[in-house]
C-alpha atoms as a PDB file:
ATOM      1  CA  MET A   1     107.271  48.701 100.647  1.00  0.00           C
ATOM      2  CA  ASP A   2     104.122  50.764 100.069  1.00  0.00           C
ATOM      3  CA  LYS A   3     104.812  52.911 103.105  1.00  0.00           C
ATOM      4  CA  GLU A   4     108.374  53.657 102.005  1.00  0.00           C
ATOM      5  CA  LEU A   5     107.239  54.525  98.472  1.00  0.00           C
ATOM      6  CA  ILE A   6     104.650  57.078  99.608  1.00  0.00           C
ATOM      7  CA  GLU A   7     107.031  58.458 102.227  1.00  0.00           C
ATOM      8  CA  TYR A   8     109.768  58.935  99.608  1.00  0.00           C
ATOM      9  CA  ILE A   9     107.451  60.692  97.153  1.00  0.00           C
ATOM     10  CA  ALA A  10     105.999  62.974  99.836  1.00  0.00           C
ATOM     11  CA  LYS A  11     109.420  63.911 101.253  1.00  0.00           C
ATOM     12  CA  SER A  12     110.554  64.827  97.747  1.00  0.00           C
ATOM     13  CA  LEU A  13     107.642  67.247  97.345  1.00  0.00           C
ATOM     14  CA  VAL A  14     107.534  69.125 100.646  1.00  0.00           C
ATOM     15  CA  ASP A  15     109.670  71.849 102.211  1.00  0.00           C
ATOM     16  CA  ASP A  16     109.796  70.158 105.636  1.00  0.00           C
ATOM     17  CA  PRO A  17     110.518  66.429 105.093  1.00  0.00           C
ATOM     18  CA  GLU A  18     110.887  65.760 108.851  1.00  0.00           C
ATOM     19  CA  GLN A  19     107.148  66.370 109.291  1.00  0.00           C
ATOM     20  CA  VAL A  20     106.157  63.624 106.822  1.00  0.00           C
ATOM     21  CA  THR A  21     104.642  60.564 108.495  1.00  0.00           C
ATOM     22  CA  VAL A  22     102.876  57.586 106.982  1.00  0.00           C
ATOM     23  CA  ASN A  23     100.702  55.385 109.186  1.00  0.00           C
ATOM     24  CA  VAL A  24      99.629  51.966 107.863  1.00  0.00           C
ATOM     25  CA  VAL A  25      96.232  50.580 108.884  1.00  0.00           C
ATOM     26  CA  GLU A  26      95.621  46.984 107.843  1.00  0.00           C
ATOM     27  CA  GLY A  27      92.006  46.180 107.100  1.00  0.00           C
ATOM     28  CA  GLU A  28      90.267  43.021 105.975  1.00  0.00           C
ATOM     29  CA  GLN A  29      89.830  44.129 102.387  1.00  0.00           C
ATOM     30  CA  ALA A  30      92.351  46.941 101.995  1.00  0.00           C
ATOM     31  CA  THR A  31      95.436  48.567 103.437  1.00  0.00           C
ATOM     32  CA  ILE A  32      95.016  52.238 104.272  1.00  0.00           C
ATOM     33  CA  LEU A  33      98.041  54.519 104.212  1.00  0.00           C
ATOM     34  CA  GLU A  34      97.488  57.733 106.159  1.00  0.00           C
ATOM     35  CA  LEU A  35      99.831  60.516 105.033  1.00  0.00           C
ATOM     36  CA  ARG A  36     100.449  63.521 107.274  1.00  0.00           C
ATOM     37  CA  VAL A  37     102.578  66.514 106.325  1.00  0.00           C
ATOM     38  CA  ALA A  38     103.181  69.970 107.803  1.00  0.00           C
ATOM     39  CA  ALA A  39     100.265  72.388 107.460  1.00  0.00           C
ATOM     40  CA  GLY A  40     102.170  74.561 104.989  1.00  0.00           C
ATOM     41  CA  ASP A  41     102.984  71.597 102.754  1.00  0.00           C
ATOM     42  CA  ILE A  42      99.508  70.112 102.352  1.00  0.00           C
ATOM     43  CA  GLY A  43      98.930  72.009  99.108  1.00  0.00           C
ATOM     44  CA  LYS A  44     102.156  70.685  97.630  1.00  0.00           C
ATOM     45  CA  VAL A  45     101.120  67.098  98.287  1.00  0.00           C
ATOM     46  CA  ILE A  46      97.602  67.575  96.913  1.00  0.00           C
ATOM     47  CA  GLY A  47      98.540  69.751  93.933  1.00  0.00           C
ATOM     48  CA  LYS A  48      96.315  71.794  91.647  1.00  0.00           C
ATOM     49  CA  HIS A  49      92.917  70.151  91.325  1.00  0.00           C
ATOM     50  CA  GLY A  50      94.304  67.109  93.191  1.00  0.00           C
ATOM     51  CA  ARG A  51      96.620  66.054  90.372  1.00  0.00           C
ATOM     52  CA  ILE A  52      99.604  65.146  92.545  1.00  0.00           C
ATOM     53  CA  ALA A  53      97.433  63.239  95.023  1.00  0.00           C
ATOM     54  CA  LYS A  54      95.825  61.349  92.146  1.00  0.00           C
ATOM     55  CA  ALA A  55      99.253  60.543  90.682  1.00  0.00           C
ATOM     56  CA  MET A  56     100.460  59.243  94.061  1.00  0.00           C
ATOM     57  CA  ARG A  57      97.379  57.021  94.324  1.00  0.00           C
ATOM     58  CA  THR A  58      97.966  55.707  90.787  1.00  0.00           C
ATOM     59  CA  VAL A  59     101.597  54.856  91.580  1.00  0.00           C
ATOM     60  CA  LEU A  60     100.481  53.129  94.783  1.00  0.00           C
ATOM     61  CA  GLN A  61      97.902  51.043  92.915  1.00  0.00           C
ATOM     62  CA  ALA A  62     100.490  50.065  90.310  1.00  0.00           C
ATOM     63  CA  ALA A  63     102.963  49.054  93.023  1.00  0.00           C
ATOM     64  CA  THR A  64     100.420  46.878  94.842  1.00  0.00           C
ATOM     65  CA  ALA A  65      98.708  45.393  91.780  1.00  0.00           C
ATOM     66  CA  LYS A  66     101.086  42.444  91.524  1.00  0.00           C
ATOM     67  CA  SER A  67     100.449  41.378  95.118  1.00  0.00           C
ATOM     68  CA  GLY A  68      96.694  41.511  94.620  1.00  0.00           C
ATOM     69  CA  LYS A  69      96.175  43.745  97.651  1.00  0.00           C
ATOM     70  CA  HIS A  70      94.095  46.906  97.492  1.00  0.00           C
ATOM     71  CA  SER A  71      95.747  49.985  98.973  1.00  0.00           C
ATOM     72  CA  VAL A  72      94.158  53.342  99.698  1.00  0.00           C
ATOM     73  CA  LEU A  73      96.028  56.611 100.259  1.00  0.00           C
ATOM     74  CA  GLU A  74      94.429  59.152 102.602  1.00  0.00           C
ATOM     75  CA  ILE A  75      95.994  62.569 102.991  1.00  0.00           C
ATOM     76  CA  LEU A  76      95.234  63.889 106.481  1.00  0.00           C
ATOM     77  CA  ASP A  77      95.585  67.452 107.705  1.00  0.00           C
END
């Protein structure tokens, strides 16, 4: 569910939604979601002063809070 949530948000923000990929890495203590977008769309996902990235991380934490898992969003270029 976490992967689909981040993928949906990212595809809504970018100009090239086909380039959006989310890779899930399961760790012992946390789940890491690696978000990749097209080079021209990286600024749209991060936002001014990182506001959009921070908002995406907040939504992710709220979505995973009930399950008790810790999730981390990494935006890769």
